[in-house]
Amino acid sequence: MEVADASGTAMFDVGKRVWSEELMRKVDLPMDILVPVRESVEECGRISRNVAAMTGLREGTPVAGGGGDNACGAVGTGIVREGRVLASLGTSGVVFAHTDTVKVDPSLRAHTNCHSVPNRWCLMGVMLSAGGSLRWLRDVVADSERTSASQSGRDPYDVMAEEAAKAPIGSEGLVFLPYLSGERTPYRDANARGAFVGLSLRHGREHLMRCVFEGITFGMRDSLSIVRELGLHVSEIRATGGGARSAFWRQMQADVYGVPVVTVSASEGPAFGAALMGGVCSGMFSDLADASDQLVKIVSVSEPVPSNVARYEEWYERYRALYPALKQEFANVATVVEKHSQ
């Protein structure tokens, strides 16, 4: 096992990058049941003759420790120095910040793990329904957009983004809470639920579309705010996933985060990151920073627009006020739902 994955076992001393004897004693388990832990670029073995025959890989090829999806994705997009932060928008949303030293959120809203970069760490926040909220909108609300996309051979999310762009920043007071599956960062609340707040007769489809894009981006900003609270300077966001493909959404992210949002050349970040680890392990590169500098190239930059940043700041504050106001009612609703489902 490698250090990034071992960090999530609750049996690992993340600061020292070794299994924790103290934690193992507390659960009365022997240390010898644990496998050796390696750094992600460390050689863990070599391709055997049988594996070479099955895969076509050369016998004797070194096998690197590798990493989990988020750690590999971060390496594959160049998150190998402080100041760079990954914003990955798939079904869930992940904010992953490289740190040179161990940073721990005292409130445990964000995760502190070993990074796949040797002797470096990461802060990670996860929202549960990022692209999942957009998929729900597509499937339940966006019938006309799906039809238009089908007829024109386009991606329905592109059509939805075009519709969303017709509404102004802030969606004229319509705010979406993206807690369709509960929420992980920053609230750790399984009872939290999605909500449209401020809906009025003046709102149309364009407002519904835009406020969902905005609510997801505000949710990602929650994790980024924790990174900043812990003293990390954020110089740029490197976007991947669905949120990286849309120019409209990249600009929204830049304006909400207040820093440039860039995309990079590697479209499959996790696989590319694993390949870079293999390159370091085999001696092709001196380290992951060297590999990243040579092979990870910026292909687009969305700069924040100061006037938009100021407007989004107002709406983000309104967004942040809603969960505390609704927290108890989320719990009350969950109690009633459970009562009548038995």
C-alpha atoms as a PDB file:
ATOM      1  CA  MET A   1       0.000   0.000   0.000  1.00  0.00           C
ATOM      2  CA  GLU A   2       1.120   3.575  -0.610  1.00  0.00           C
ATOM      3  CA  VAL A   3       0.881   6.531   1.751  1.00  0.00           C
ATOM      4  CA  ALA A   4      -2.000   8.411   0.102  1.00  0.00           C
ATOM      5  CA  ASP A   5      -4.400   5.468   0.371  1.00  0.00           C
ATOM      6  CA  ALA A   6      -3.057   4.455   3.785  1.00  0.00           C
ATOM      7  CA  SER A   7      -4.022   7.927   5.039  1.00  0.00           C
ATOM      8  CA  GLY A   8      -7.686   6.986   4.747  1.00  0.00           C
ATOM      9  CA  THR A   9      -7.544   3.833   6.873  1.00  0.00           C
ATOM     10  CA  ALA A  10      -7.750   5.572  10.291  1.00  0.00           C
ATOM     11  CA  MET A  11      -4.713   3.474  11.282  1.00  0.00           C
ATOM     12  CA  PHE A  12      -2.045   5.725   9.803  1.00  0.00           C
ATOM     13  CA  ASP A  13       0.100   8.458  11.319  1.00  0.00           C
ATOM     14  CA  VAL A  14      -0.235  10.966   8.496  1.00  0.00           C
ATOM     15  CA  GLY A  15       2.407  13.328   9.874  1.00  0.00           C
ATOM     16  CA  LYS A  16       5.067  10.625  10.215  1.00  0.00           C
ATOM     17  CA  ARG A  17       3.863   8.657   7.137  1.00  0.00           C
ATOM     18  CA  VAL A  18       3.899   5.332   9.029  1.00  0.00           C
ATOM     19  CA  TRP A  19       1.326   3.005  10.572  1.00  0.00           C
ATOM     20  CA  SER A  20       0.288   4.254  14.010  1.00  0.00           C
ATOM     21  CA  GLU A  21       1.257   1.900  16.832  1.00  0.00           C
ATOM     22  CA  GLU A  22      -0.856   3.984  19.212  1.00  0.00           C
ATOM     23  CA  LEU A  23      -4.040   3.559  17.165  1.00  0.00           C
ATOM     24  CA  MET A  24      -3.421  -0.148  16.671  1.00  0.00           C
ATOM     25  CA  ARG A  25      -3.025  -0.601  20.437  1.00  0.00           C
ATOM     26  CA  LYS A  26      -6.308   1.207  21.064  1.00  0.00           C
ATOM     27  CA  VAL A  27      -8.196  -1.281  18.882  1.00  0.00           C
ATOM     28  CA  ASP A  28      -6.123  -4.211  20.186  1.00  0.00           C
ATOM     29  CA  LEU A  29      -4.737  -5.256  16.823  1.00  0.00           C
ATOM     30  CA  PRO A  30      -1.172  -6.458  16.151  1.00  0.00           C
ATOM     31  CA  MET A  31       1.078  -4.408  13.896  1.00  0.00           C
ATOM     32  CA  ASP A  32       2.112  -7.449  11.891  1.00  0.00           C
ATOM     33  CA  ILE A  33      -1.281  -7.675  10.156  1.00  0.00           C
ATOM     34  CA  LEU A  34      -0.477  -4.443   8.286  1.00  0.00           C
ATOM     35  CA  VAL A  35       1.222  -4.449   4.905  1.00  0.00           C
ATOM     36  CA  PRO A  36       4.359  -2.393   4.196  1.00  0.00           C
ATOM     37  CA  VAL A  37       3.705   1.210   3.150  1.00  0.00           C
ATOM     38  CA  ARG A  38       5.575   2.851   0.296  1.00  0.00           C
ATOM     39  CA  GLU A  39       5.792   6.308  -1.217  1.00  0.00           C
ATOM     40  CA  SER A  40       3.863   6.639  -4.479  1.00  0.00           C
ATOM     41  CA  VAL A  41       7.006   6.882  -6.618  1.00  0.00           C
ATOM     42  CA  GLU A  42       8.822   4.104  -4.770  1.00  0.00           C
ATOM     43  CA  GLU A  43       9.456   0.787  -6.498  1.00  0.00           C
ATOM     44  CA  CYS A  44       7.273  -1.925  -4.976  1.00  0.00           C
ATOM     45  CA  GLY A  45       8.210  -4.795  -7.252  1.00  0.00           C
ATOM     46  CA  ARG A  46       8.778  -5.746 -10.874  1.00  0.00           C
ATOM     47  CA  ILE A  47       6.630  -7.229 -13.610  1.00  0.00           C
ATOM     48  CA  SER A  48       6.860 -11.020 -13.497  1.00  0.00           C
ATOM     49  CA  ARG A  49       7.050 -13.296 -16.512  1.00  0.00           C
ATOM     50  CA  ASN A  50       3.410 -14.362 -16.124  1.00  0.00           C
ATOM     51  CA  VAL A  51       2.156 -10.787 -15.827  1.00  0.00           C
ATOM     52  CA  ALA A  52       4.292  -9.777 -18.799  1.00  0.00           C
ATOM     53  CA  ALA A  53       2.656 -12.522 -20.864  1.00  0.00           C
ATOM     54  CA  MET A  54      -0.845 -11.381 -19.828  1.00  0.00           C
ATOM     55  CA  THR A  55      -0.322  -7.642 -20.308  1.00  0.00           C
ATOM     56  CA  GLY A  56       2.362  -7.210 -22.926  1.00  0.00           C
ATOM     57  CA  LEU A  57       4.480  -5.233 -20.479  1.00  0.00           C
ATOM     58  CA  ARG A  58       8.174  -6.020 -20.437  1.00  0.00           C
ATOM     59  CA  GLU A  59       9.309  -8.504 -17.795  1.00  0.00           C
ATOM     60  CA  GLY A  60      11.258  -6.718 -15.086  1.00  0.00           C
ATOM     61  CA  THR A  61       9.504  -3.358 -15.547  1.00  0.00           C
ATOM     62  CA  PRO A  62       9.452  -1.581 -12.152  1.00  0.00           C
ATOM     63  CA  VAL A  63       6.060  -1.142 -10.467  1.00  0.00           C
ATOM     64  CA  ALA A  64       5.543   2.141  -8.597  1.00  0.00           C
ATOM     65  CA  GLY A  65       3.407   2.502  -5.483  1.00  0.00           C
ATOM     66  CA  GLY A  66       0.898   4.654  -7.347  1.00  0.00           C
ATOM     67  CA  GLY A  67      -1.973   6.354  -5.568  1.00  0.00           C
ATOM     68  CA  GLY A  68      -5.695   6.809  -5.163  1.00  0.00           C
ATOM     69  CA  ASP A  69      -7.870   8.634  -7.672  1.00  0.00           C
ATOM     70  CA  ASN A  70      -7.675  12.089  -6.110  1.00  0.00           C
ATOM     71  CA  ALA A  71      -3.935  11.986  -5.387  1.00  0.00           C
ATOM     72  CA  CYS A  72      -3.154  10.715  -8.890  1.00  0.00           C
ATOM     73  CA  GLY A  73      -5.534  13.266 -10.399  1.00  0.00           C
ATOM     74  CA  ALA A  74      -3.776  16.038  -8.509  1.00  0.00           C
ATOM     75  CA  VAL A  75      -0.357  14.944  -9.749  1.00  0.00           C
ATOM     76  CA  GLY A  76      -1.711  14.602 -13.293  1.00  0.00           C
ATOM     77  CA  THR A  77      -2.871  18.221 -13.265  1.00  0.00           C
ATOM     78  CA  GLY A  78       0.312  19.600 -11.723  1.00  0.00           C
ATOM     79  CA  ILE A  79      -0.778  20.004  -8.094  1.00  0.00           C
ATOM     80  CA  VAL A  80       2.796  19.434  -6.931  1.00  0.00           C
ATOM     81  CA  ARG A  81       3.572  22.834  -5.375  1.00  0.00           C
ATOM     82  CA  GLU A  82       1.927  25.044  -2.770  1.00  0.00           C
ATOM     83  CA  GLY A  83      -0.412  27.632  -4.235  1.00  0.00           C
ATOM     84  CA  ARG A  84      -1.937  25.250  -6.757  1.00  0.00           C
ATOM     85  CA  VAL A  85      -5.325  23.777  -5.942  1.00  0.00           C
ATOM     86  CA  LEU A  86      -7.322  21.168  -7.850  1.00  0.00           C
ATOM     87  CA  ALA A  87     -11.062  21.690  -8.347  1.00  0.00           C
ATOM     88  CA  SER A  88     -12.494  18.453  -9.705  1.00  0.00           C
ATOM     89  CA  LEU A  89     -16.172  18.525 -10.650  1.00  0.00           C
ATOM     90  CA  GLY A  90     -17.562  15.077 -11.312  1.00  0.00           C
ATOM     91  CA  THR A  91     -20.583  13.510  -9.616  1.00  0.00           C
ATOM     92  CA  SER A  92     -18.986  14.754  -6.406  1.00  0.00           C
ATOM     93  CA  GLY A  93     -16.784  17.821  -6.117  1.00  0.00           C
ATOM     94  CA  VAL A  94     -13.232  17.709  -4.763  1.00  0.00           C
ATOM     95  CA  VAL A  95     -10.958  20.561  -3.713  1.00  0.00           C
ATOM     96  CA  PHE A  96      -7.382  19.265  -3.285  1.00  0.00           C
ATOM     97  CA  ALA A  97      -4.596  21.574  -2.089  1.00  0.00           C
ATOM     98  CA  HIS A  98      -0.885  20.660  -1.995  1.00  0.00           C
ATOM     99  CA  THR A  99       0.843  21.501   1.307  1.00  0.00           C
ATOM    100  CA  ASP A 100       4.554  21.409   2.131  1.00  0.00           C
ATOM    101  CA  THR A 101       3.799  20.813   5.821  1.00  0.00           C
ATOM    102  CA  VAL A 102       1.006  19.059   7.693  1.00  0.00           C
ATOM    103  CA  LYS A 103      -2.074  21.294   7.967  1.00  0.00           C
ATOM    104  CA  VAL A 104      -5.007  20.095  10.075  1.00  0.00           C
ATOM    105  CA  ASP A 105      -8.432  21.725  10.276  1.00  0.00           C
ATOM    106  CA  PRO A 106      -9.268  21.815  14.021  1.00  0.00           C
ATOM    107  CA  SER A 107     -12.965  21.419  13.174  1.00  0.00           C
ATOM    108  CA  LEU A 108     -12.256  18.378  10.950  1.00  0.00           C
ATOM    109  CA  ARG A 109     -14.247  19.839   8.077  1.00  0.00           C
ATOM    110  CA  ALA A 110     -11.487  18.942   5.606  1.00  0.00           C
ATOM    111  CA  HIS A 111      -9.257  15.879   5.301  1.00  0.00           C
ATOM    112  CA  THR A 112      -5.495  15.947   5.871  1.00  0.00           C
ATOM    113  CA  ASN A 113      -3.751  13.160   3.960  1.00  0.00           C
ATOM    114  CA  CYS A 114      -0.332  12.275   2.662  1.00  0.00           C
ATOM    115  CA  HIS A 115       0.085  13.490  -0.904  1.00  0.00           C
ATOM    116  CA  SER A 116       1.560  11.240  -3.570  1.00  0.00           C
ATOM    117  CA  VAL A 117       4.425  13.733  -3.752  1.00  0.00           C
ATOM    118  CA  PRO A 118       7.017  12.303  -1.315  1.00  0.00           C
ATOM    119  CA  ASN A 119       7.122  14.071   2.056  1.00  0.00           C
ATOM    120  CA  ARG A 120       4.272  16.395   1.103  1.00  0.00           C
ATOM    121  CA  TRP A 121       0.652  16.482   2.225  1.00  0.00           C
ATOM    122  CA  CYS A 122      -2.740  17.675   1.066  1.00  0.00           C
ATOM    123  CA  LEU A 123      -5.895  19.292   2.355  1.00  0.00           C
ATOM    124  CA  MET A 124      -9.013  17.930   0.718  1.00  0.00           C
ATOM    125  CA  GLY A 125     -12.656  18.956   0.853  1.00  0.00           C
ATOM    126  CA  VAL A 126     -15.445  16.933  -0.744  1.00  0.00           C
ATOM    127  CA  MET A 127     -19.000  17.972  -1.616  1.00  0.00           C
ATOM    128  CA  LEU A 128     -21.268  15.028  -2.351  1.00  0.00           C
ATOM    129  CA  SER A 129     -23.547  16.329  -5.119  1.00  0.00           C
ATOM    130  CA  ALA A 130     -21.629  18.599  -7.475  1.00  0.00           C
ATOM    131  CA  GLY A 131     -22.162  17.238 -10.970  1.00  0.00           C
ATOM    132  CA  GLY A 132     -24.818  15.065  -9.343  1.00  0.00           C
ATOM    133  CA  SER A 133     -26.935  18.182  -8.798  1.00  0.00           C
ATOM    134  CA  LEU A 134     -26.498  19.178 -12.429  1.00  0.00           C
ATOM    135  CA  ARG A 135     -27.436  15.668 -13.579  1.00  0.00           C
ATOM    136  CA  TRP A 136     -30.584  15.836 -11.432  1.00  0.00           C
ATOM    137  CA  LEU A 137     -31.448  19.165 -13.070  1.00  0.00           C
ATOM    138  CA  ARG A 138     -30.885  17.673 -16.524  1.00  0.00           C
ATOM    139  CA  ASP A 139     -33.021  14.615 -15.869  1.00  0.00           C
ATOM    140  CA  VAL A 140     -35.886  16.250 -13.966  1.00  0.00           C
ATOM    141  CA  VAL A 141     -36.150  19.823 -15.251  1.00  0.00           C
ATOM    142  CA  ALA A 142     -34.226  20.261 -18.498  1.00  0.00           C
ATOM    143  CA  ASP A 143     -36.517  18.399 -20.916  1.00  0.00           C
ATOM    144  CA  SER A 144     -36.347  21.073 -23.612  1.00  0.00           C
ATOM    145  CA  GLU A 145     -32.562  21.354 -23.289  1.00  0.00           C
ATOM    146  CA  ARG A 146     -32.168  17.586 -23.641  1.00  0.00           C
ATOM    147  CA  THR A 147     -34.429  17.593 -26.700  1.00  0.00           C
ATOM    148  CA  SER A 148     -32.540  20.487 -28.278  1.00  0.00           C
ATOM    149  CA  ALA A 149     -29.216  18.784 -27.591  1.00  0.00           C
ATOM    150  CA  SER A 150     -30.417  15.520 -29.106  1.00  0.00           C
ATOM    151  CA  GLN A 151     -31.648  17.238 -32.255  1.00  0.00           C
ATOM    152  CA  SER A 152     -28.434  19.206 -32.729  1.00  0.00           C
ATOM    153  CA  GLY A 153     -26.009  16.474 -31.662  1.00  0.00           C
ATOM    154  CA  ARG A 154     -24.729  18.544 -28.741  1.00  0.00           C
ATOM    155  CA  ASP A 155     -24.066  17.835 -25.080  1.00  0.00           C
ATOM    156  CA  PRO A 156     -27.180  18.743 -23.036  1.00  0.00           C
ATOM    157  CA  TYR A 157     -24.975  20.347 -20.390  1.00  0.00           C
ATOM    158  CA  ASP A 158     -23.706  22.836 -22.993  1.00  0.00           C
ATOM    159  CA  VAL A 159     -27.295  23.772 -23.835  1.00  0.00           C
ATOM    160  CA  MET A 160     -28.075  24.130 -20.121  1.00  0.00           C
ATOM    161  CA  ALA A 161     -25.064  26.415 -19.685  1.00  0.00           C
ATOM    162  CA  GLU A 162     -26.257  28.594 -22.563  1.00  0.00           C
ATOM    163  CA  GLU A 163     -29.666  28.896 -20.902  1.00  0.00           C
ATOM    164  CA  ALA A 164     -28.041  29.679 -17.545  1.00  0.00           C
ATOM    165  CA  ALA A 165     -25.956  32.446 -19.130  1.00  0.00           C
ATOM    166  CA  LYS A 166     -29.166  34.359 -19.927  1.00  0.00           C
ATOM    167  CA  ALA A 167     -29.749  35.018 -16.207  1.00  0.00           C
ATOM    168  CA  PRO A 168     -27.704  37.593 -14.262  1.00  0.00           C
ATOM    169  CA  ILE A 169     -25.183  36.843 -11.526  1.00  0.00           C
ATOM    170  CA  GLY A 170     -27.102  35.816  -8.418  1.00  0.00           C
ATOM    171  CA  SER A 171     -30.051  34.509 -10.465  1.00  0.00           C
ATOM    172  CA  GLU A 172     -32.135  37.477  -9.283  1.00  0.00           C
ATOM    173  CA  GLY A 173     -32.219  36.194  -5.723  1.00  0.00           C
ATOM    174  CA  LEU A 174     -32.706  32.476  -6.384  1.00  0.00           C
ATOM    175  CA  VAL A 175     -30.227  30.386  -4.371  1.00  0.00           C
ATOM    176  CA  PHE A 176     -29.710  26.629  -4.689  1.00  0.00           C
ATOM    177  CA  LEU A 177     -28.374  24.451  -1.864  1.00  0.00           C
ATOM    178  CA  PRO A 178     -26.703  21.411  -3.502  1.00  0.00           C
ATOM    179  CA  TYR A 179     -27.168  18.961  -0.639  1.00  0.00           C
ATOM    180  CA  LEU A 180     -29.067  16.306  -2.602  1.00  0.00           C
ATOM    181  CA  SER A 181     -27.161  13.481  -0.874  1.00  0.00           C
ATOM    182  CA  GLY A 182     -26.487  15.190   2.428  1.00  0.00           C
ATOM    183  CA  GLU A 183     -23.157  16.997   2.683  1.00  0.00           C
ATOM    184  CA  ARG A 184     -19.611  16.099   3.640  1.00  0.00           C
ATOM    185  CA  THR A 185     -17.486  19.269   3.564  1.00  0.00           C
ATOM    186  CA  PRO A 186     -17.935  21.510   5.461  1.00  0.00           C
ATOM    187  CA  TYR A 187     -20.956  20.254   7.425  1.00  0.00           C
ATOM    188  CA  ARG A 188     -20.723  16.439   7.720  1.00  0.00           C
ATOM    189  CA  ASP A 189     -24.528  16.292   7.809  1.00  0.00           C
ATOM    190  CA  ALA A 190     -26.371  13.299   6.340  1.00  0.00           C
ATOM    191  CA  ASN A 191     -29.701  15.076   6.908  1.00  0.00           C
ATOM    192  CA  ALA A 192     -28.876  18.168   4.836  1.00  0.00           C
ATOM    193  CA  ARG A 193     -31.031  18.417   1.726  1.00  0.00           C
ATOM    194  CA  GLY A 194     -31.197  20.428  -1.460  1.00  0.00           C
ATOM    195  CA  ALA A 195     -33.314  23.549  -1.614  1.00  0.00           C
ATOM    196  CA  PHE A 196     -34.294  26.400  -3.897  1.00  0.00           C
ATOM    197  CA  VAL A 197     -34.559  29.518  -1.741  1.00  0.00           C
ATOM    198  CA  GLY A 198     -36.051  32.780  -3.000  1.00  0.00           C
ATOM    199  CA  LEU A 199     -38.175  31.337  -5.825  1.00  0.00           C
ATOM    200  CA  SER A 200     -40.674  33.871  -7.163  1.00  0.00           C
ATOM    201  CA  LEU A 201     -42.941  34.483 -10.145  1.00  0.00           C
ATOM    202  CA  ARG A 202     -40.213  36.419 -11.955  1.00  0.00           C
ATOM    203  CA  HIS A 203     -37.942  33.393 -12.145  1.00  0.00           C
ATOM    204  CA  GLY A 204     -37.775  31.300 -15.304  1.00  0.00           C
ATOM    205  CA  ARG A 205     -35.828  28.340 -16.631  1.00  0.00           C
ATOM    206  CA  GLU A 206     -32.682  30.397 -17.055  1.00  0.00           C
ATOM    207  CA  HIS A 207     -32.698  31.277 -13.348  1.00  0.00           C
ATOM    208  CA  LEU A 208     -33.197  27.644 -12.319  1.00  0.00           C
ATOM    209  CA  MET A 209     -30.292  26.624 -14.524  1.00  0.00           C
ATOM    210  CA  ARG A 210     -27.943  29.354 -13.367  1.00  0.00           C
ATOM    211  CA  CYS A 211     -28.633  29.039  -9.650  1.00  0.00           C
ATOM    212  CA  VAL A 212     -27.723  25.333  -9.745  1.00  0.00           C
ATOM    213  CA  PHE A 213     -24.376  26.140 -11.411  1.00  0.00           C
ATOM    214  CA  GLU A 214     -23.872  28.854  -8.795  1.00  0.00           C
ATOM    215  CA  GLY A 215     -24.875  26.667  -5.843  1.00  0.00           C
ATOM    216  CA  ILE A 216     -22.418  23.951  -6.854  1.00  0.00           C
ATOM    217  CA  THR A 217     -19.635  26.511  -7.256  1.00  0.00           C
ATOM    218  CA  PHE A 218     -20.436  28.059  -3.870  1.00  0.00           C
ATOM    219  CA  GLY A 219     -20.212  24.556  -2.375  1.00  0.00           C
ATOM    220  CA  MET A 220     -16.720  24.182  -3.827  1.00  0.00           C
ATOM    221  CA  ARG A 221     -15.865  27.626  -2.461  1.00  0.00           C
ATOM    222  CA  ASP A 222     -16.731  26.315   1.028  1.00  0.00           C
ATOM    223  CA  SER A 223     -13.818  23.870   0.806  1.00  0.00           C
ATOM    224  CA  LEU A 224     -11.519  26.497  -0.682  1.00  0.00           C
ATOM    225  CA  SER A 225     -12.374  28.828   2.208  1.00  0.00           C
ATOM    226  CA  ILE A 226     -11.114  26.207   4.674  1.00  0.00           C
ATOM    227  CA  VAL A 227      -7.841  25.933   2.754  1.00  0.00           C
ATOM    228  CA  ARG A 228      -7.410  29.687   3.048  1.00  0.00           C
ATOM    229  CA  GLU A 229      -8.416  29.731   6.727  1.00  0.00           C
ATOM    230  CA  LEU A 230      -5.518  27.368   7.439  1.00  0.00           C
ATOM    231  CA  GLY A 231      -3.041  29.845   6.013  1.00  0.00           C
ATOM    232  CA  LEU A 232      -2.457  28.471   2.529  1.00  0.00           C
ATOM    233  CA  HIS A 233      -2.057  30.997  -0.274  1.00  0.00           C
ATOM    234  CA  VAL A 234      -4.069  30.014  -3.354  1.00  0.00           C
ATOM    235  CA  SER A 235      -2.510  31.326  -6.563  1.00  0.00           C
ATOM    236  CA  GLU A 236      -4.553  29.358  -9.089  1.00  0.00           C
ATOM    237  CA  ILE A 237      -7.208  26.691  -9.437  1.00  0.00           C
ATOM    238  CA  ARG A 238      -6.661  23.837 -11.866  1.00  0.00           C
ATOM    239  CA  ALA A 239     -10.053  22.603 -13.025  1.00  0.00           C
ATOM    240  CA  THR A 240     -10.887  19.076 -14.148  1.00  0.00           C
ATOM    241  CA  GLY A 241     -14.048  17.103 -14.834  1.00  0.00           C
ATOM    242  CA  GLY A 242     -17.276  18.544 -16.193  1.00  0.00           C
ATOM    243  CA  GLY A 243     -16.557  21.920 -14.649  1.00  0.00           C
ATOM    244  CA  ALA A 244     -13.434  22.231 -16.790  1.00  0.00           C
ATOM    245  CA  ARG A 245     -15.133  21.620 -20.136  1.00  0.00           C
ATOM    246  CA  SER A 246     -17.522  24.585 -19.990  1.00  0.00           C
ATOM    247  CA  ALA A 247     -16.067  28.064 -20.602  1.00  0.00           C
ATOM    248  CA  PHE A 248     -19.152  29.531 -18.894  1.00  0.00           C
ATOM    249  CA  TRP A 249     -18.560  27.453 -15.764  1.00  0.00           C
ATOM    250  CA  ARG A 250     -14.806  28.079 -15.723  1.00  0.00           C
ATOM    251  CA  GLN A 251     -15.441  31.826 -15.719  1.00  0.00           C
ATOM    252  CA  MET A 252     -18.024  31.458 -12.966  1.00  0.00           C
ATOM    253  CA  GLN A 253     -15.501  29.512 -10.889  1.00  0.00           C
ATOM    254  CA  ALA A 254     -12.804  32.149 -11.418  1.00  0.00           C
ATOM    255  CA  ASP A 255     -15.219  34.868 -10.309  1.00  0.00           C
ATOM    256  CA  VAL A 256     -16.450  32.911  -7.267  1.00  0.00           C
ATOM    257  CA  TYR A 257     -12.977  31.744  -6.166  1.00  0.00           C
ATOM    258  CA  GLY A 258     -11.323  35.083  -6.933  1.00  0.00           C
ATOM    259  CA  VAL A 259      -8.266  33.525  -8.609  1.00  0.00           C
ATOM    260  CA  PRO A 260      -7.454  32.321 -12.140  1.00  0.00           C
ATOM    261  CA  VAL A 261      -8.952  28.987 -13.169  1.00  0.00           C
ATOM    262  CA  VAL A 262      -6.802  27.043 -15.614  1.00  0.00           C
ATOM    263  CA  THR A 263      -7.146  23.812 -17.540  1.00  0.00           C
ATOM    264  CA  VAL A 264      -4.241  21.579 -18.477  1.00  0.00           C
ATOM    265  CA  SER A 265      -3.293  19.291 -21.320  1.00  0.00           C
ATOM    266  CA  ALA A 266      -4.001  15.964 -19.598  1.00  0.00           C
ATOM    267  CA  SER A 267      -7.668  15.081 -20.075  1.00  0.00           C
ATOM    268  CA  GLU A 268      -7.398  11.945 -17.912  1.00  0.00           C
ATOM    269  CA  GLY A 269      -5.657  13.378 -14.860  1.00  0.00           C
ATOM    270  CA  PRO A 270      -5.616  10.304 -12.574  1.00  0.00           C
ATOM    271  CA  ALA A 271      -4.233   7.945 -15.236  1.00  0.00           C
ATOM    272  CA  PHE A 272      -1.704  10.558 -16.318  1.00  0.00           C
ATOM    273  CA  GLY A 273      -0.656  11.162 -12.717  1.00  0.00           C
ATOM    274  CA  ALA A 274      -0.080   7.440 -12.223  1.00  0.00           C
ATOM    275  CA  ALA A 275       2.018   7.405 -15.397  1.00  0.00           C
ATOM    276  CA  LEU A 276       4.138  10.275 -14.055  1.00  0.00           C
ATOM    277  CA  MET A 277       4.725   8.305 -10.850  1.00  0.00           C
ATOM    278  CA  GLY A 278       5.887   5.389 -12.954  1.00  0.00           C
ATOM    279  CA  GLY A 279       8.208   7.723 -14.838  1.00  0.00           C
ATOM    280  CA  VAL A 280       9.829   8.925 -11.614  1.00  0.00           C
ATOM    281  CA  CYS A 281      10.066   5.371 -10.294  1.00  0.00           C
ATOM    282  CA  SER A 282      11.851   4.200 -13.453  1.00  0.00           C
ATOM    283  CA  GLY A 283      14.298   7.110 -13.431  1.00  0.00           C
ATOM    284  CA  MET A 284      12.816   8.954 -16.408  1.00  0.00           C
ATOM    285  CA  PHE A 285      12.273  12.050 -14.227  1.00  0.00           C
ATOM    286  CA  SER A 286      14.098  13.225 -11.119  1.00  0.00           C
ATOM    287  CA  ASP A 287      10.886  13.862  -9.173  1.00  0.00           C
ATOM    288  CA  LEU A 288       7.194  14.640  -9.681  1.00  0.00           C
ATOM    289  CA  ALA A 289       7.786  18.389  -9.910  1.00  0.00           C
ATOM    290  CA  ASP A 290      10.251  17.750 -12.746  1.00  0.00           C
ATOM    291  CA  ALA A 291       7.789  15.423 -14.488  1.00  0.00           C
ATOM    292  CA  SER A 292       4.976  17.943 -14.100  1.00  0.00           C
ATOM    293  CA  ASP A 293       7.060  20.849 -15.401  1.00  0.00           C
ATOM    294  CA  GLN A 294       7.952  18.885 -18.518  1.00  0.00           C
ATOM    295  CA  LEU A 295       4.605  17.325 -19.372  1.00  0.00           C
ATOM    296  CA  VAL A 296       1.687  19.189 -17.747  1.00  0.00           C
ATOM    297  CA  LYS A 297       0.879  22.193 -19.942  1.00  0.00           C
ATOM    298  CA  ILE A 298      -1.712  24.930 -19.351  1.00  0.00           C
ATOM    299  CA  VAL A 299      -4.164  25.181 -22.251  1.00  0.00           C
ATOM    300  CA  SER A 300      -6.651  27.812 -21.011  1.00  0.00           C
ATOM    301  CA  VAL A 301      -6.846  30.522 -18.350  1.00  0.00           C
ATOM    302  CA  SER A 302     -10.019  32.188 -17.029  1.00  0.00           C
ATOM    303  CA  GLU A 303      -9.166  35.352 -15.106  1.00  0.00           C
ATOM    304  CA  PRO A 304     -11.555  36.629 -12.426  1.00  0.00           C
ATOM    305  CA  VAL A 305     -13.468  39.784 -13.377  1.00  0.00           C
ATOM    306  CA  PRO A 306     -13.280  42.189 -10.402  1.00  0.00           C
ATOM    307  CA  SER A 307     -16.853  43.447 -10.737  1.00  0.00           C
ATOM    308  CA  ASN A 308     -18.147  39.869 -10.914  1.00  0.00           C
ATOM    309  CA  VAL A 309     -16.028  38.852  -7.906  1.00  0.00           C
ATOM    310  CA  ALA A 310     -17.646  41.589  -5.820  1.00  0.00           C
ATOM    311  CA  ARG A 311     -21.174  40.591  -6.854  1.00  0.00           C
ATOM    312  CA  TYR A 312     -20.582  36.893  -6.215  1.00  0.00           C
ATOM    313  CA  GLU A 313     -19.133  37.704  -2.792  1.00  0.00           C
ATOM    314  CA  GLU A 314     -22.502  39.148  -1.766  1.00  0.00           C
ATOM    315  CA  TRP A 315     -24.398  36.108  -3.000  1.00  0.00           C
ATOM    316  CA  TYR A 316     -21.925  33.693  -1.424  1.00  0.00           C
ATOM    317  CA  GLU A 317     -22.554  35.289   1.969  1.00  0.00           C
ATOM    318  CA  ARG A 318     -26.301  34.789   1.491  1.00  0.00           C
ATOM    319  CA  TYR A 319     -25.647  31.169   0.467  1.00  0.00           C
ATOM    320  CA  ARG A 320     -23.497  30.530   3.555  1.00  0.00           C
ATOM    321  CA  ALA A 321     -26.204  31.874   5.860  1.00  0.00           C
ATOM    322  CA  LEU A 322     -28.820  29.388   4.678  1.00  0.00           C
ATOM    323  CA  TYR A 323     -27.476  26.072   5.988  1.00  0.00           C
ATOM    324  CA  PRO A 324     -27.205  27.222   9.639  1.00  0.00           C
ATOM    325  CA  ALA A 325     -30.724  28.633   9.378  1.00  0.00           C
ATOM    326  CA  LEU A 326     -32.104  25.350   8.013  1.00  0.00           C
ATOM    327  CA  LYS A 327     -29.972  22.787   9.867  1.00  0.00           C
ATOM    328  CA  GLN A 328     -32.516  21.960  12.559  1.00  0.00           C
ATOM    329  CA  GLU A 329     -35.369  21.768  10.060  1.00  0.00           C
ATOM    330  CA  PHE A 330     -33.334  19.364   7.924  1.00  0.00           C
ATOM    331  CA  ALA A 331     -33.071  17.129  11.007  1.00  0.00           C
ATOM    332  CA  ASN A 332     -36.782  17.535  11.797  1.00  0.00           C
ATOM    333  CA  VAL A 333     -37.780  16.587   8.259  1.00  0.00           C
ATOM    334  CA  ALA A 334     -35.508  13.519   8.385  1.00  0.00           C
ATOM    335  CA  THR A 335     -37.237  12.411  11.598  1.00  0.00           C
ATOM    336  CA  VAL A 336     -40.696  12.682  10.022  1.00  0.00           C
ATOM    337  CA  VAL A 337     -39.561  10.879   6.861  1.00  0.00           C
ATOM    338  CA  GLU A 338     -38.106   8.028   8.917  1.00  0.00           C
ATOM    339  CA  LYS A 339     -41.256   7.811  11.034  1.00  0.00           C
ATOM    340  CA  HIS A 340     -43.523   7.338   8.028  1.00  0.00           C
ATOM    341  CA  SER A 341     -41.190   5.007   6.140  1.00  0.00           C
ATOM    342  CA  GLN A 342     -41.307   2.308   8.806  1.00  0.00           C
END
